[in-house]
């Protein structure tokens, strides 16, 4: 079995990020969300790695899941942040059959 994950942290407490972190559905206007009401969803992604030196990298992922990965930081003296992880899933169809985990493009992207 081959697997790969990309851990990341969000530090913007937007409605979309909060919903992803809590797997929540919107109850009504006013920012009320029902926690653990949504299942993890699969989708495609592009991850951009911008570097100051050398090549920039774009990782094209045909199938993945974004999920919470730990505790929500609620330190009042610092930015609130939420740890997440992008799990890359095996994907096979006619277009991606030869690269089921996607591909990486390395170039000087400006």
Protein backbone atom coordinates (compact mmCIF):
# COMPACT_ATOMS: atom_id res chain seq x y z
CA UNK A 1 0.00 0.00 0.00
CA UNK A 2 1.24 3.45 -0.90
CA UNK A 3 -0.02 6.52 0.91
CA UNK A 4 0.91 10.16 1.23
CA UNK A 5 -0.39 13.02 3.34
CA UNK A 6 0.25 16.76 3.29
CA UNK A 7 -0.21 18.37 6.72
CA UNK A 8 -1.11 22.06 6.81
CA UNK A 9 -2.57 24.62 9.19
CA UNK A 10 -5.19 27.27 8.56
CA UNK A 11 -5.08 30.48 10.59
CA UNK A 12 -8.16 32.21 9.21
CA UNK A 13 -11.33 31.51 11.16
CA UNK A 14 -13.57 31.80 8.10
CA UNK A 15 -16.91 30.02 7.92
CA UNK A 16 -15.53 27.62 5.28
CA UNK A 17 -12.50 26.67 7.41
CA UNK A 18 -14.60 26.22 10.55
CA UNK A 19 -17.05 23.99 8.66
CA UNK A 20 -14.18 21.85 7.27
CA UNK A 21 -12.51 21.50 10.67
CA UNK A 22 -15.70 20.52 12.54
CA UNK A 23 -17.22 18.56 9.60
CA UNK A 24 -20.18 20.85 10.23
CA UNK A 25 -23.32 21.72 8.35
CA UNK A 26 -24.89 25.16 8.40
CA UNK A 27 -27.92 25.24 10.72
CA UNK A 28 -29.18 28.72 9.98
CA UNK A 29 -28.11 32.28 9.39
CA UNK A 30 -25.96 33.78 12.10
CA UNK A 31 -23.01 31.39 11.98
CA UNK A 32 -24.57 28.37 13.72
CA UNK A 33 -23.16 25.00 12.62
CA UNK A 34 -24.05 21.42 13.54
CA UNK A 35 -20.78 19.61 14.39
CA UNK A 36 -19.94 16.22 12.81
CA UNK A 37 -22.94 16.41 10.48
CA UNK A 38 -20.97 16.09 7.26
CA UNK A 39 -18.91 13.16 6.05
CA UNK A 40 -15.44 13.61 4.62
CA UNK A 41 -15.70 14.32 0.91
CA UNK A 42 -13.33 13.35 -1.84
CA UNK A 43 -12.16 15.79 -4.47
CA UNK A 44 -9.21 16.98 -6.53
CA UNK A 45 -6.62 19.53 -5.41
CA UNK A 46 -3.67 21.62 -6.50
CA UNK A 47 -1.00 22.42 -3.91
CA UNK A 48 1.32 25.35 -4.67
CA UNK A 49 4.79 25.52 -3.09
CA UNK A 50 6.30 28.96 -3.76
CA UNK A 51 10.00 29.21 -3.02
CA UNK A 52 12.32 32.21 -2.87
CA UNK A 53 15.18 30.22 -4.40
CA UNK A 54 14.94 27.55 -7.07
CA UNK A 55 11.87 26.06 -8.66
CA UNK A 56 8.32 26.62 -7.56
CA UNK A 57 6.28 23.43 -7.40
CA UNK A 58 2.64 22.65 -8.16
CA UNK A 59 1.31 19.25 -7.10
CA UNK A 60 -1.77 18.18 -9.09
CA UNK A 61 -3.75 15.64 -7.06
CA UNK A 62 -6.58 13.76 -8.80
CA UNK A 63 -8.23 12.35 -5.64
CA UNK A 64 -7.89 13.39 -2.00
CA UNK A 65 -9.65 14.06 1.28
CA UNK A 66 -9.11 17.06 3.58
CA UNK A 67 -9.69 16.27 7.23
CA UNK A 68 -8.99 17.73 10.70
CA UNK A 69 -5.73 16.62 12.30
CA UNK A 70 -5.60 17.59 15.96
CA UNK A 71 -6.80 20.27 18.31
CA UNK A 72 -8.03 23.72 17.37
CA UNK A 73 -5.66 26.29 18.85
CA UNK A 74 -7.54 28.91 20.85
CA UNK A 75 -4.65 30.81 22.42
CA UNK A 76 -5.88 34.38 22.99
CA UNK A 77 -2.33 35.75 22.68
CA UNK A 78 -1.71 34.32 19.22
CA UNK A 79 -3.52 33.56 15.97
CA UNK A 80 -6.07 30.81 16.29
CA UNK A 81 -5.17 27.95 14.00
CA UNK A 82 -6.52 24.59 12.96
CA UNK A 83 -4.36 21.63 11.92
CA UNK A 84 -5.61 19.82 8.84
CA UNK A 85 -4.24 17.12 6.58
CA UNK A 86 -4.75 16.41 2.90
CA UNK A 87 -4.71 12.62 2.33
CA UNK A 88 -3.81 11.68 -1.23
CA UNK A 89 -5.89 8.72 -2.43
CA UNK A 90 -5.20 6.22 -5.19
CA UNK A 91 -7.20 7.16 -8.28
CA UNK A 92 -7.59 5.22 -11.47
CA UNK A 93 -9.51 6.17 -14.57
CA UNK A 94 -8.60 6.50 -18.22
CA UNK A 95 -6.98 9.93 -17.79
CA UNK A 96 -5.04 9.23 -14.56
CA UNK A 97 -4.34 5.48 -14.95
CA UNK A 98 -0.58 5.99 -15.44
CA UNK A 99 -0.31 8.51 -12.54
CA UNK A 100 -2.90 7.53 -9.89
CA UNK A 101 -1.32 9.80 -7.22
CA UNK A 102 -1.06 12.82 -9.52
CA UNK A 103 2.03 14.63 -10.75
CA UNK A 104 4.36 17.48 -9.83
CA UNK A 105 5.26 20.42 -12.04
CA UNK A 106 8.53 22.17 -11.08
CA UNK A 107 9.27 25.48 -12.78
CA UNK A 108 10.03 29.12 -12.22
CA UNK A 109 6.43 30.28 -11.86
CA UNK A 110 6.08 34.05 -11.59
